[in-house]
Amino acid sequence: MRIALIIVPCVALGILLAVMAAGVKKGTNIFKIPAVAWMITGVLVVVAIGIGIERTEGSPIPEPAPRPSSAPPASGSFVWDDANALSDRTVRELDQRNDRLWDRHNITVAVVTCDNQRELGEYAYRQAEKMGLGGYDMVVALDIRGDNYWLLLGNDVGRDFPYDPSEYAYEYMENAFVRRDYDDAVLELTKALEDWYGKQYR
């Protein structure tokens, strides 16, 4: 195919040059001859097709970038249940809550679960960095096997939040958490945070 795209324009160009030379000798304007005009058009079309095919064949097809295992799914969920402690219904409800919080306040309350993290606060902070959370966002972290939970506040919201984060988390999570009802634990706390945001940032 490439050879044809090279040979055909060259032959047509040779014929065109011969016609032009003959026209110059006779003193006629060769561009007024329909056959010459069609020949020029044909050469340009063939050359354009050849350039397009060459570019297509020469450029590699880009491969999709691999998504890190810790990255949010395509849905944009900020619920990372690595310990498999939450039900699908709870994850959907948390996603819907975050959609509302984003629409109304441009903030996120992320929920992460893990097993046996020695420094749960540091773990929550690392997860917040991976998610790209900002100063007005929060992270609720649950260590299932470590029997612990943590509420991490962004720097900006921390200045406005009138409660001690650990006491606030205890108030809304403790009863459900000791029953191992992790669904109710995170739903109760995130609902309280959503309500607080609604009153604080009207």
N, C-alpha and C. Protein backbone atom coordinates (compact mmCIF):
# COMPACT_ATOMS: atom_id res chain seq x y z
N MET A 1 0.84 -1.20 0.00
CA MET A 1 0.00 0.00 0.00
C MET A 1 0.87 1.25 0.00
N ARG A 2 1.94 1.22 0.84
CA ARG A 2 2.82 2.38 0.90
C ARG A 2 3.51 2.62 -0.43
N ILE A 3 3.92 1.52 -1.10
CA ILE A 3 4.62 1.65 -2.39
C ILE A 3 3.71 2.31 -3.42
N ALA A 4 2.42 1.90 -3.44
CA ALA A 4 1.48 2.48 -4.39
C ALA A 4 1.29 3.96 -4.12
N LEU A 5 1.24 4.31 -2.84
CA LEU A 5 1.04 5.71 -2.49
C LEU A 5 2.26 6.56 -2.84
N ILE A 6 3.40 5.93 -3.02
CA ILE A 6 4.60 6.67 -3.44
C ILE A 6 4.68 6.75 -4.96
N ILE A 7 4.41 5.59 -5.63
CA ILE A 7 4.58 5.51 -7.09
C ILE A 7 3.52 6.34 -7.81
N VAL A 8 2.23 6.22 -7.39
CA VAL A 8 1.16 6.90 -8.12
C VAL A 8 1.35 8.41 -8.16
N PRO A 9 1.65 9.08 -7.04
CA PRO A 9 1.87 10.53 -7.13
C PRO A 9 3.08 10.89 -8.00
N CYS A 10 4.13 10.05 -7.95
CA CYS A 10 5.33 10.34 -8.75
C CYS A 10 5.02 10.26 -10.24
N VAL A 11 4.27 9.21 -10.65
CA VAL A 11 3.92 9.06 -12.06
C VAL A 11 3.02 10.22 -12.49
N ALA A 12 2.01 10.55 -11.64
CA ALA A 12 1.10 11.63 -11.99
C ALA A 12 1.85 12.96 -12.07
N LEU A 13 2.81 13.14 -11.19
CA LEU A 13 3.60 14.37 -11.20
C LEU A 13 4.44 14.46 -12.46
N GLY A 14 4.99 13.30 -12.90
CA GLY A 14 5.78 13.28 -14.14
C GLY A 14 4.94 13.65 -15.34
N ILE A 15 3.72 13.08 -15.40
CA ILE A 15 2.83 13.39 -16.51
C ILE A 15 2.45 14.86 -16.49
N LEU A 16 2.18 15.38 -15.29
CA LEU A 16 1.80 16.78 -15.14
C LEU A 16 2.93 17.70 -15.62
N LEU A 17 4.14 17.37 -15.25
CA LEU A 17 5.28 18.19 -15.68
C LEU A 17 5.44 18.16 -17.20
N ALA A 18 5.21 16.98 -17.79
CA ALA A 18 5.32 16.86 -19.25
C ALA A 18 4.26 17.71 -19.94
N VAL A 19 3.01 17.68 -19.41
CA VAL A 19 1.93 18.48 -19.99
C VAL A 19 2.24 19.97 -19.85
N MET A 20 2.79 20.35 -18.70
CA MET A 20 3.12 21.75 -18.47
C MET A 20 4.21 22.21 -19.44
N ALA A 21 5.21 21.35 -19.66
CA ALA A 21 6.29 21.71 -20.59
C ALA A 21 5.76 21.88 -22.00
N ALA A 22 4.83 20.98 -22.39
CA ALA A 22 4.25 21.09 -23.73
C ALA A 22 3.41 22.35 -23.84
N GLY A 23 2.69 22.70 -22.74
CA GLY A 23 1.86 23.89 -22.76
C GLY A 23 2.69 25.16 -22.85
N VAL A 24 3.84 25.16 -22.20
CA VAL A 24 4.71 26.34 -22.25
C VAL A 24 5.22 26.57 -23.66
N LYS A 25 5.58 25.48 -24.35
CA LYS A 25 6.08 25.61 -25.72
C LYS A 25 5.00 26.16 -26.65
N LYS A 26 3.74 25.74 -26.45
CA LYS A 26 2.65 26.19 -27.31
C LYS A 26 2.13 27.55 -26.90
N GLY A 27 2.48 28.03 -25.67
CA GLY A 27 2.02 29.35 -25.22
C GLY A 27 0.60 29.33 -24.69
N THR A 28 0.08 28.19 -24.29
CA THR A 28 -1.28 28.13 -23.76
C THR A 28 -1.24 28.07 -22.24
N ASN A 29 -2.34 28.48 -21.59
CA ASN A 29 -2.44 28.41 -20.13
C ASN A 29 -2.93 27.01 -19.76
N ILE A 30 -2.03 26.19 -19.26
CA ILE A 30 -2.37 24.77 -19.02
C ILE A 30 -3.36 24.60 -17.86
N PHE A 31 -3.45 25.60 -16.95
CA PHE A 31 -4.35 25.46 -15.81
C PHE A 31 -5.81 25.62 -16.20
N LYS A 32 -6.05 26.07 -17.47
CA LYS A 32 -7.43 26.16 -17.97
C LYS A 32 -7.89 24.85 -18.59
N ILE A 33 -6.98 23.88 -18.70
CA ILE A 33 -7.32 22.58 -19.28
C ILE A 33 -7.93 21.71 -18.17
N PRO A 34 -9.17 21.20 -18.34
CA PRO A 34 -9.83 20.41 -17.28
C PRO A 34 -9.04 19.19 -16.87
N ALA A 35 -8.41 18.51 -17.83
CA ALA A 35 -7.66 17.29 -17.51
C ALA A 35 -6.52 17.59 -16.54
N VAL A 36 -5.86 18.73 -16.74
CA VAL A 36 -4.75 19.11 -15.87
C VAL A 36 -5.26 19.40 -14.46
N ALA A 37 -6.37 20.13 -14.39
CA ALA A 37 -6.94 20.45 -13.08
C ALA A 37 -7.32 19.19 -12.32
N TRP A 38 -7.92 18.24 -13.03
CA TRP A 38 -8.29 16.97 -12.38
C TRP A 38 -7.05 16.19 -11.95
N MET A 39 -6.02 16.25 -12.75
CA MET A 39 -4.79 15.53 -12.42
C MET A 39 -4.14 16.11 -11.16
N ILE A 40 -4.12 17.45 -11.06
CA ILE A 40 -3.56 18.10 -9.87
C ILE A 40 -4.36 17.72 -8.62
N THR A 41 -5.69 17.73 -8.76
CA THR A 41 -6.55 17.36 -7.64
C THR A 41 -6.30 15.93 -7.20
N GLY A 42 -6.17 15.02 -8.17
CA GLY A 42 -5.92 13.61 -7.85
C GLY A 42 -4.60 13.41 -7.13
N VAL A 43 -3.56 14.12 -7.58
CA VAL A 43 -2.25 14.00 -6.93
C VAL A 43 -2.33 14.46 -5.48
N LEU A 44 -3.01 15.60 -5.26
CA LEU A 44 -3.12 16.13 -3.89
C LEU A 44 -3.91 15.18 -2.97
N VAL A 45 -4.97 14.56 -3.52
CA VAL A 45 -5.77 13.62 -2.72
C VAL A 45 -4.93 12.41 -2.33
N VAL A 46 -4.21 11.84 -3.29
CA VAL A 46 -3.39 10.65 -3.03
C VAL A 46 -2.30 10.96 -2.01
N VAL A 47 -1.66 12.12 -2.15
CA VAL A 47 -0.61 12.50 -1.21
C VAL A 47 -1.19 12.68 0.20
N ALA A 48 -2.37 13.30 0.30
CA ALA A 48 -3.00 13.50 1.61
C ALA A 48 -3.34 12.17 2.27
N ILE A 49 -3.85 11.22 1.48
CA ILE A 49 -4.17 9.89 2.02
C ILE A 49 -2.90 9.21 2.51
N GLY A 50 -1.84 9.32 1.74
CA GLY A 50 -0.57 8.71 2.12
C GLY A 50 -0.02 9.27 3.41
N ILE A 51 -0.12 10.59 3.58
CA ILE A 51 0.37 11.21 4.82
C ILE A 51 -0.46 10.74 6.01
N GLY A 52 -1.78 10.65 5.82
CA GLY A 52 -2.64 10.20 6.92
C GLY A 52 -2.35 8.78 7.33
N ILE A 53 -2.16 7.89 6.35
CA ILE A 53 -1.86 6.49 6.68
C ILE A 53 -0.51 6.37 7.36
N GLU A 54 0.45 7.12 6.89
CA GLU A 54 1.80 7.08 7.47
C GLU A 54 1.78 7.52 8.93
N ARG A 55 1.02 8.57 9.21
CA ARG A 55 0.95 9.04 10.58
C ARG A 55 0.26 8.02 11.48
N THR A 56 -0.79 7.39 10.97
CA THR A 56 -1.53 6.41 11.75
C THR A 56 -0.68 5.20 12.06
N GLU A 57 0.05 4.71 11.03
CA GLU A 57 0.86 3.51 11.23
C GLU A 57 2.10 3.82 12.05
N GLY A 58 2.59 5.04 11.97
CA GLY A 58 3.83 5.37 12.65
C GLY A 58 3.65 5.69 14.12
N SER A 59 2.46 6.09 14.53
CA SER A 59 2.27 6.48 15.94
C SER A 59 1.78 5.29 16.73
N PRO A 60 2.44 5.01 17.87
CA PRO A 60 2.00 3.88 18.69
C PRO A 60 0.68 4.18 19.38
N ILE A 61 -0.10 3.13 19.61
CA ILE A 61 -1.37 3.28 20.31
C ILE A 61 -1.08 3.38 21.80
N PRO A 62 -1.48 4.49 22.44
CA PRO A 62 -1.16 4.62 23.86
C PRO A 62 -1.92 3.60 24.70
N GLU A 63 -1.21 3.02 25.68
CA GLU A 63 -1.85 2.08 26.59
C GLU A 63 -2.45 2.84 27.76
N PRO A 64 -3.59 2.38 28.27
CA PRO A 64 -4.18 3.07 29.42
C PRO A 64 -3.25 3.00 30.62
N ALA A 65 -3.15 4.10 31.35
CA ALA A 65 -2.28 4.13 32.52
C ALA A 65 -2.85 3.22 33.59
N PRO A 66 -1.99 2.42 34.23
CA PRO A 66 -2.50 1.53 35.28
C PRO A 66 -3.00 2.34 36.47
N ARG A 67 -4.14 1.92 37.02
CA ARG A 67 -4.69 2.62 38.18
C ARG A 67 -4.12 2.00 39.44
N PRO A 68 -3.54 2.80 40.34
CA PRO A 68 -3.00 2.24 41.57
C PRO A 68 -4.08 1.52 42.35
N SER A 69 -3.66 0.48 43.07
CA SER A 69 -4.65 -0.30 43.81
C SER A 69 -5.34 0.53 44.89
N SER A 70 -4.66 1.58 45.37
CA SER A 70 -5.24 2.39 46.43
C SER A 70 -6.06 3.56 45.91
N ALA A 71 -6.12 3.73 44.61
CA ALA A 71 -6.85 4.87 44.04
C ALA A 71 -8.35 4.66 44.14
N PRO A 72 -9.11 5.74 44.20
CA PRO A 72 -10.57 5.58 44.23
C PRO A 72 -11.06 4.92 42.97
N PRO A 73 -12.14 4.16 43.04
CA PRO A 73 -12.69 3.57 41.83
C PRO A 73 -13.23 4.64 40.90
N ALA A 74 -13.62 4.21 39.70
CA ALA A 74 -14.08 5.16 38.69
C ALA A 74 -15.29 5.96 39.17
N SER A 75 -16.07 5.39 40.11
CA SER A 75 -17.24 6.09 40.61
C SER A 75 -16.86 7.29 41.46
N GLY A 76 -15.58 7.36 41.87
CA GLY A 76 -15.15 8.47 42.71
C GLY A 76 -15.45 8.25 44.18
N SER A 77 -15.66 7.01 44.60
CA SER A 77 -16.01 6.72 45.99
C SER A 77 -14.84 7.04 46.92
N PHE A 78 -15.17 7.59 48.07
CA PHE A 78 -14.18 7.85 49.11
C PHE A 78 -14.42 6.92 50.30
N VAL A 79 -14.93 5.73 50.01
CA VAL A 79 -15.09 4.69 51.01
C VAL A 79 -14.15 3.56 50.62
N TRP A 80 -13.08 3.39 51.39
CA TRP A 80 -12.08 2.35 51.11
C TRP A 80 -12.18 1.30 52.21
N ASP A 81 -12.95 0.27 51.94
CA ASP A 81 -13.23 -0.76 52.95
C ASP A 81 -12.25 -1.92 52.79
N ASP A 82 -10.99 -1.68 53.13
CA ASP A 82 -9.97 -2.72 52.97
C ASP A 82 -10.17 -3.90 53.91
N ALA A 83 -10.86 -3.69 55.02
CA ALA A 83 -11.11 -4.78 55.97
C ALA A 83 -12.41 -5.52 55.68
N ASN A 84 -13.12 -5.13 54.63
CA ASN A 84 -14.41 -5.76 54.27
C ASN A 84 -15.37 -5.78 55.47
N ALA A 85 -15.47 -4.64 56.14
CA ALA A 85 -16.31 -4.56 57.33
C ALA A 85 -17.67 -3.94 57.06
N LEU A 86 -17.85 -3.33 55.88
CA LEU A 86 -19.08 -2.59 55.59
C LEU A 86 -19.91 -3.29 54.52
N SER A 87 -21.20 -3.16 54.63
CA SER A 87 -22.09 -3.75 53.63
C SER A 87 -22.15 -2.87 52.38
N ASP A 88 -22.59 -3.45 51.29
CA ASP A 88 -22.75 -2.68 50.05
C ASP A 88 -23.76 -1.55 50.24
N ARG A 89 -24.80 -1.81 50.99
CA ARG A 89 -25.82 -0.79 51.26
C ARG A 89 -25.20 0.41 51.97
N THR A 90 -24.35 0.12 52.94
CA THR A 90 -23.70 1.21 53.68
C THR A 90 -22.77 2.00 52.79
N VAL A 91 -22.01 1.31 51.95
CA VAL A 91 -21.10 2.02 51.03
C VAL A 91 -21.89 2.93 50.11
N ARG A 92 -23.01 2.43 49.58
CA ARG A 92 -23.85 3.27 48.71
C ARG A 92 -24.37 4.50 49.46
N GLU A 93 -24.81 4.28 50.70
CA GLU A 93 -25.34 5.39 51.49
C GLU A 93 -24.26 6.42 51.80
N LEU A 94 -23.05 5.95 52.09
CA LEU A 94 -21.93 6.87 52.34
C LEU A 94 -21.57 7.65 51.08
N ASP A 95 -21.61 6.97 49.94
CA ASP A 95 -21.33 7.66 48.67
C ASP A 95 -22.38 8.75 48.41
N GLN A 96 -23.65 8.42 48.67
CA GLN A 96 -24.71 9.41 48.47
C GLN A 96 -24.54 10.59 49.42
N ARG A 97 -24.13 10.30 50.66
CA ARG A 97 -23.89 11.38 51.63
C ARG A 97 -22.77 12.29 51.14
N ASN A 98 -21.71 11.69 50.61
CA ASN A 98 -20.60 12.50 50.10
C ASN A 98 -21.00 13.31 48.87
N ASP A 99 -21.87 12.75 48.05
CA ASP A 99 -22.37 13.52 46.90
C ASP A 99 -23.12 14.77 47.38
N ARG A 100 -23.95 14.60 48.41
CA ARG A 100 -24.68 15.75 48.95
C ARG A 100 -23.72 16.77 49.56
N LEU A 101 -22.75 16.28 50.34
CA LEU A 101 -21.79 17.19 50.97
C LEU A 101 -20.99 17.95 49.93
N TRP A 102 -20.65 17.27 48.84
CA TRP A 102 -19.88 17.94 47.79
C TRP A 102 -20.74 19.00 47.09
N ASP A 103 -21.98 18.64 46.78
CA ASP A 103 -22.87 19.60 46.11
C ASP A 103 -23.14 20.83 46.97
N ARG A 104 -23.29 20.64 48.27
CA ARG A 104 -23.68 21.75 49.15
C ARG A 104 -22.48 22.52 49.71
N HIS A 105 -21.37 21.80 50.00
CA HIS A 105 -20.27 22.44 50.72
C HIS A 105 -18.89 22.23 50.08
N ASN A 106 -18.82 21.43 49.02
CA ASN A 106 -17.54 21.10 48.38
C ASN A 106 -16.58 20.42 49.35
N ILE A 107 -17.10 19.53 50.18
CA ILE A 107 -16.24 18.80 51.11
C ILE A 107 -16.57 17.31 51.06
N THR A 108 -15.69 16.51 51.69
CA THR A 108 -15.84 15.06 51.70
C THR A 108 -15.58 14.53 53.10
N VAL A 109 -16.39 13.55 53.51
CA VAL A 109 -16.11 12.79 54.74
C VAL A 109 -15.80 11.37 54.29
N ALA A 110 -14.51 11.06 54.23
CA ALA A 110 -14.07 9.74 53.75
C ALA A 110 -14.18 8.72 54.88
N VAL A 111 -14.36 7.46 54.50
CA VAL A 111 -14.40 6.36 55.46
C VAL A 111 -13.43 5.28 54.99
N VAL A 112 -12.52 4.88 55.88
CA VAL A 112 -11.55 3.84 55.55
C VAL A 112 -11.55 2.79 56.65
N THR A 113 -11.37 1.53 56.27
CA THR A 113 -11.25 0.46 57.25
C THR A 113 -9.96 -0.30 57.02
N CYS A 114 -9.42 -0.87 58.11
CA CYS A 114 -8.16 -1.59 58.03
C CYS A 114 -8.11 -2.63 59.15
N ASP A 115 -7.02 -3.36 59.22
CA ASP A 115 -6.81 -4.35 60.28
C ASP A 115 -5.44 -4.15 60.91
N ASN A 116 -5.42 -4.02 62.23
CA ASN A 116 -4.19 -3.97 63.02
C ASN A 116 -3.21 -2.89 62.58
N GLN A 117 -3.67 -1.66 62.54
CA GLN A 117 -2.79 -0.51 62.30
C GLN A 117 -2.33 0.04 63.65
N ARG A 118 -1.02 0.06 63.84
CA ARG A 118 -0.50 0.53 65.13
C ARG A 118 -0.80 2.01 65.36
N GLU A 119 -0.61 2.81 64.35
CA GLU A 119 -0.87 4.24 64.45
C GLU A 119 -2.05 4.57 63.54
N LEU A 120 -3.25 4.47 64.08
CA LEU A 120 -4.44 4.65 63.25
C LEU A 120 -4.56 6.09 62.75
N GLY A 121 -4.16 7.06 63.56
CA GLY A 121 -4.20 8.45 63.13
C GLY A 121 -3.29 8.71 61.94
N GLU A 122 -2.09 8.15 61.98
CA GLU A 122 -1.16 8.30 60.85
C GLU A 122 -1.69 7.59 59.61
N TYR A 123 -2.30 6.43 59.82
CA TYR A 123 -2.90 5.69 58.71
C TYR A 123 -4.00 6.52 58.05
N ALA A 124 -4.87 7.13 58.86
CA ALA A 124 -5.94 7.97 58.32
C ALA A 124 -5.36 9.14 57.54
N TYR A 125 -4.28 9.71 58.06
CA TYR A 125 -3.63 10.84 57.37
C TYR A 125 -3.06 10.41 56.02
N ARG A 126 -2.41 9.25 55.98
CA ARG A 126 -1.85 8.74 54.71
C ARG A 126 -2.95 8.47 53.70
N GLN A 127 -4.07 7.92 54.16
CA GLN A 127 -5.18 7.66 53.25
C GLN A 127 -5.76 8.97 52.72
N ALA A 128 -5.83 9.98 53.59
CA ALA A 128 -6.34 11.28 53.14
C ALA A 128 -5.44 11.86 52.06
N GLU A 129 -4.12 11.71 52.21
CA GLU A 129 -3.19 12.19 51.19
C GLU A 129 -3.39 11.44 49.87
N LYS A 130 -3.56 10.13 49.94
CA LYS A 130 -3.77 9.34 48.73
C LYS A 130 -5.07 9.73 48.02
N MET A 131 -6.07 10.08 48.79
CA MET A 131 -7.36 10.48 48.20
C MET A 131 -7.33 11.92 47.69
N GLY A 132 -6.32 12.69 48.08
CA GLY A 132 -6.24 14.08 47.66
C GLY A 132 -7.21 14.98 48.42
N LEU A 133 -7.47 14.65 49.67
CA LEU A 133 -8.41 15.43 50.45
C LEU A 133 -7.80 16.76 50.89
N GLY A 134 -8.67 17.72 51.20
CA GLY A 134 -8.21 19.06 51.54
C GLY A 134 -8.48 19.44 52.98
N GLY A 135 -8.29 20.72 53.28
CA GLY A 135 -8.36 21.21 54.65
C GLY A 135 -9.74 21.19 55.26
N TYR A 136 -10.79 21.14 54.46
CA TYR A 136 -12.15 21.11 55.00
C TYR A 136 -12.75 19.71 54.97
N ASP A 137 -11.94 18.71 54.62
CA ASP A 137 -12.42 17.33 54.57
C ASP A 137 -12.11 16.60 55.88
N MET A 138 -12.73 15.44 56.04
CA MET A 138 -12.53 14.61 57.23
C MET A 138 -12.36 13.15 56.82
N VAL A 139 -11.74 12.36 57.71
CA VAL A 139 -11.60 10.93 57.48
C VAL A 139 -12.04 10.19 58.74
N VAL A 140 -12.94 9.22 58.57
CA VAL A 140 -13.34 8.31 59.65
C VAL A 140 -12.61 6.99 59.38
N ALA A 141 -11.74 6.59 60.32
CA ALA A 141 -10.95 5.37 60.14
C ALA A 141 -11.35 4.34 61.19
N LEU A 142 -11.53 3.09 60.74
CA LEU A 142 -11.87 1.99 61.63
C LEU A 142 -10.80 0.91 61.51
N ASP A 143 -10.21 0.53 62.65
CA ASP A 143 -9.29 -0.61 62.70
C ASP A 143 -10.06 -1.77 63.30
N ILE A 144 -10.46 -2.70 62.47
CA ILE A 144 -11.39 -3.75 62.90
C ILE A 144 -10.71 -4.71 63.88
N ARG A 145 -9.61 -5.31 63.49
CA ARG A 145 -8.93 -6.25 64.40
C ARG A 145 -8.24 -5.53 65.55
N GLY A 146 -7.83 -4.31 65.32
CA GLY A 146 -7.21 -3.53 66.39
C GLY A 146 -8.21 -2.92 67.35
N ASP A 147 -9.52 -3.06 67.05
CA ASP A 147 -10.60 -2.59 67.91
C ASP A 147 -10.43 -1.11 68.26
N ASN A 148 -10.33 -0.29 67.21
CA ASN A 148 -10.09 1.12 67.41
C ASN A 148 -10.75 1.91 66.28
N TYR A 149 -11.01 3.18 66.52
CA TYR A 149 -11.52 4.07 65.47
C TYR A 149 -10.96 5.46 65.69
N TRP A 150 -11.04 6.28 64.63
CA TRP A 150 -10.38 7.59 64.66
C TRP A 150 -11.13 8.56 63.76
N LEU A 151 -11.24 9.79 64.22
CA LEU A 151 -11.82 10.86 63.39
C LEU A 151 -10.71 11.88 63.13
N LEU A 152 -10.32 12.00 61.86
CA LEU A 152 -9.27 12.94 61.45
C LEU A 152 -9.91 14.15 60.79
N LEU A 153 -9.57 15.35 61.30
CA LEU A 153 -10.10 16.59 60.73
C LEU A 153 -9.05 17.26 59.85
N GLY A 154 -9.50 17.85 58.74
CA GLY A 154 -8.61 18.68 57.95
C GLY A 154 -8.22 19.93 58.74
N ASN A 155 -7.09 20.54 58.39
CA ASN A 155 -6.58 21.69 59.15
C ASN A 155 -7.59 22.83 59.23
N ASP A 156 -8.27 23.11 58.12
CA ASP A 156 -9.20 24.26 58.10
C ASP A 156 -10.46 23.99 58.91
N VAL A 157 -11.04 22.82 58.72
CA VAL A 157 -12.27 22.52 59.45
C VAL A 157 -11.97 22.33 60.93
N GLY A 158 -10.75 21.92 61.25
CA GLY A 158 -10.38 21.74 62.65
C GLY A 158 -10.45 23.01 63.45
N ARG A 159 -10.24 24.16 62.79
CA ARG A 159 -10.33 25.45 63.49
C ARG A 159 -11.78 25.82 63.83
N ASP A 160 -12.73 25.30 63.04
CA ASP A 160 -14.14 25.62 63.26
C ASP A 160 -14.87 24.58 64.10
N PHE A 161 -14.31 23.36 64.17
CA PHE A 161 -15.01 22.27 64.83
C PHE A 161 -14.94 22.48 66.35
N PRO A 162 -16.10 22.61 67.01
CA PRO A 162 -16.10 23.01 68.43
C PRO A 162 -15.92 21.85 69.41
N TYR A 163 -15.71 20.63 68.90
CA TYR A 163 -15.65 19.47 69.79
C TYR A 163 -14.29 18.79 69.69
N ASP A 164 -13.98 18.03 70.70
CA ASP A 164 -12.79 17.17 70.64
C ASP A 164 -13.11 16.00 69.69
N PRO A 165 -12.30 15.80 68.65
CA PRO A 165 -12.65 14.77 67.65
C PRO A 165 -12.82 13.37 68.25
N SER A 166 -11.96 12.99 69.19
CA SER A 166 -12.06 11.65 69.76
C SER A 166 -13.33 11.49 70.59
N GLU A 167 -13.71 12.53 71.33
CA GLU A 167 -14.94 12.46 72.11
C GLU A 167 -16.18 12.46 71.20
N TYR A 168 -16.09 13.23 70.12
CA TYR A 168 -17.21 13.29 69.16
C TYR A 168 -17.41 11.92 68.50
N ALA A 169 -16.30 11.30 68.09
CA ALA A 169 -16.39 9.96 67.49
C ALA A 169 -16.92 8.95 68.50
N TYR A 170 -16.47 9.05 69.74
CA TYR A 170 -16.93 8.14 70.79
C TYR A 170 -18.44 8.26 70.98
N GLU A 171 -18.93 9.50 71.01
CA GLU A 171 -20.36 9.72 71.25
C GLU A 171 -21.23 9.04 70.20
N TYR A 172 -20.81 9.08 68.94
CA TYR A 172 -21.66 8.58 67.86
C TYR A 172 -21.32 7.16 67.40
N MET A 173 -20.13 6.66 67.77
CA MET A 173 -19.71 5.35 67.24
C MET A 173 -19.63 4.25 68.29
N GLU A 174 -19.35 4.61 69.52
CA GLU A 174 -18.96 3.60 70.51
C GLU A 174 -19.98 2.47 70.66
N ASN A 175 -21.23 2.80 70.86
CA ASN A 175 -22.23 1.75 71.12
C ASN A 175 -22.32 0.75 69.98
N ALA A 176 -22.37 1.25 68.75
CA ALA A 176 -22.45 0.34 67.60
C ALA A 176 -21.13 -0.39 67.39
N PHE A 177 -20.02 0.28 67.65
CA PHE A 177 -18.71 -0.33 67.41
C PHE A 177 -18.47 -1.52 68.34
N VAL A 178 -18.84 -1.39 69.60
CA VAL A 178 -18.63 -2.51 70.54
C VAL A 178 -19.52 -3.69 70.19
N ARG A 179 -20.66 -3.42 69.53
CA ARG A 179 -21.52 -4.52 69.05
C ARG A 179 -21.03 -5.10 67.73
N ARG A 180 -19.94 -4.55 67.23
CA ARG A 180 -19.39 -4.92 65.92
C ARG A 180 -20.34 -4.59 64.78
N ASP A 181 -21.19 -3.61 65.02
CA ASP A 181 -22.08 -3.13 63.97
C ASP A 181 -21.41 -1.92 63.31
N TYR A 182 -20.45 -2.21 62.46
CA TYR A 182 -19.63 -1.15 61.87
C TYR A 182 -20.42 -0.30 60.89
N ASP A 183 -21.44 -0.87 60.30
CA ASP A 183 -22.30 -0.10 59.40
C ASP A 183 -22.97 1.05 60.16
N ASP A 184 -23.64 0.71 61.27
CA ASP A 184 -24.30 1.76 62.04
C ASP A 184 -23.30 2.75 62.61
N ALA A 185 -22.14 2.26 62.99
CA ALA A 185 -21.13 3.14 63.59
C ALA A 185 -20.74 4.26 62.62
N VAL A 186 -20.42 3.90 61.37
CA VAL A 186 -19.97 4.94 60.42
C VAL A 186 -21.16 5.77 59.93
N LEU A 187 -22.32 5.16 59.82
CA LEU A 187 -23.49 5.92 59.36
C LEU A 187 -23.92 6.95 60.39
N GLU A 188 -23.87 6.58 61.68
CA GLU A 188 -24.24 7.53 62.73
C GLU A 188 -23.28 8.72 62.77
N LEU A 189 -21.98 8.42 62.73
CA LEU A 189 -21.00 9.50 62.82
C LEU A 189 -21.04 10.40 61.58
N THR A 190 -21.09 9.81 60.40
CA THR A 190 -21.09 10.65 59.19
C THR A 190 -22.38 11.46 59.07
N LYS A 191 -23.49 10.91 59.56
CA LYS A 191 -24.74 11.69 59.55
C LYS A 191 -24.59 12.90 60.48
N ALA A 192 -24.01 12.68 61.67
CA ALA A 192 -23.80 13.80 62.59
C ALA A 192 -22.88 14.85 61.98
N LEU A 193 -21.86 14.41 61.26
CA LEU A 193 -20.95 15.36 60.61
C LEU A 193 -21.66 16.11 59.49
N GLU A 194 -22.50 15.41 58.74
CA GLU A 194 -23.26 16.07 57.68
C GLU A 194 -24.18 17.13 58.27
N ASP A 195 -24.84 16.80 59.37
CA ASP A 195 -25.73 17.76 60.01
C ASP A 195 -24.94 18.97 60.53
N TRP A 196 -23.78 18.71 61.12
CA TRP A 196 -22.96 19.81 61.63
C TRP A 196 -22.51 20.73 60.50
N TYR A 197 -22.07 20.13 59.39
CA TYR A 197 -21.68 20.95 58.23
C TYR A 197 -22.84 21.82 57.76
N GLY A 198 -24.05 21.24 57.74
CA GLY A 198 -25.20 21.98 57.27
C GLY A 198 -25.51 23.19 58.13
N LYS A 199 -25.28 23.08 59.44
CA LYS A 199 -25.53 24.19 60.34
C LYS A 199 -24.37 25.20 60.33
N GLN A 200 -23.15 24.69 60.23
CA GLN A 200 -21.98 25.55 60.32
C GLN A 200 -21.74 26.37 59.06
N TYR A 201 -21.95 25.73 57.88
CA TYR A 201 -21.62 26.39 56.61
C TYR A 201 -22.86 26.57 55.76
N ARG A 202 -23.81 27.30 56.25
CA ARG A 202 -25.05 27.54 55.50
C ARG A 202 -24.80 28.49 54.33
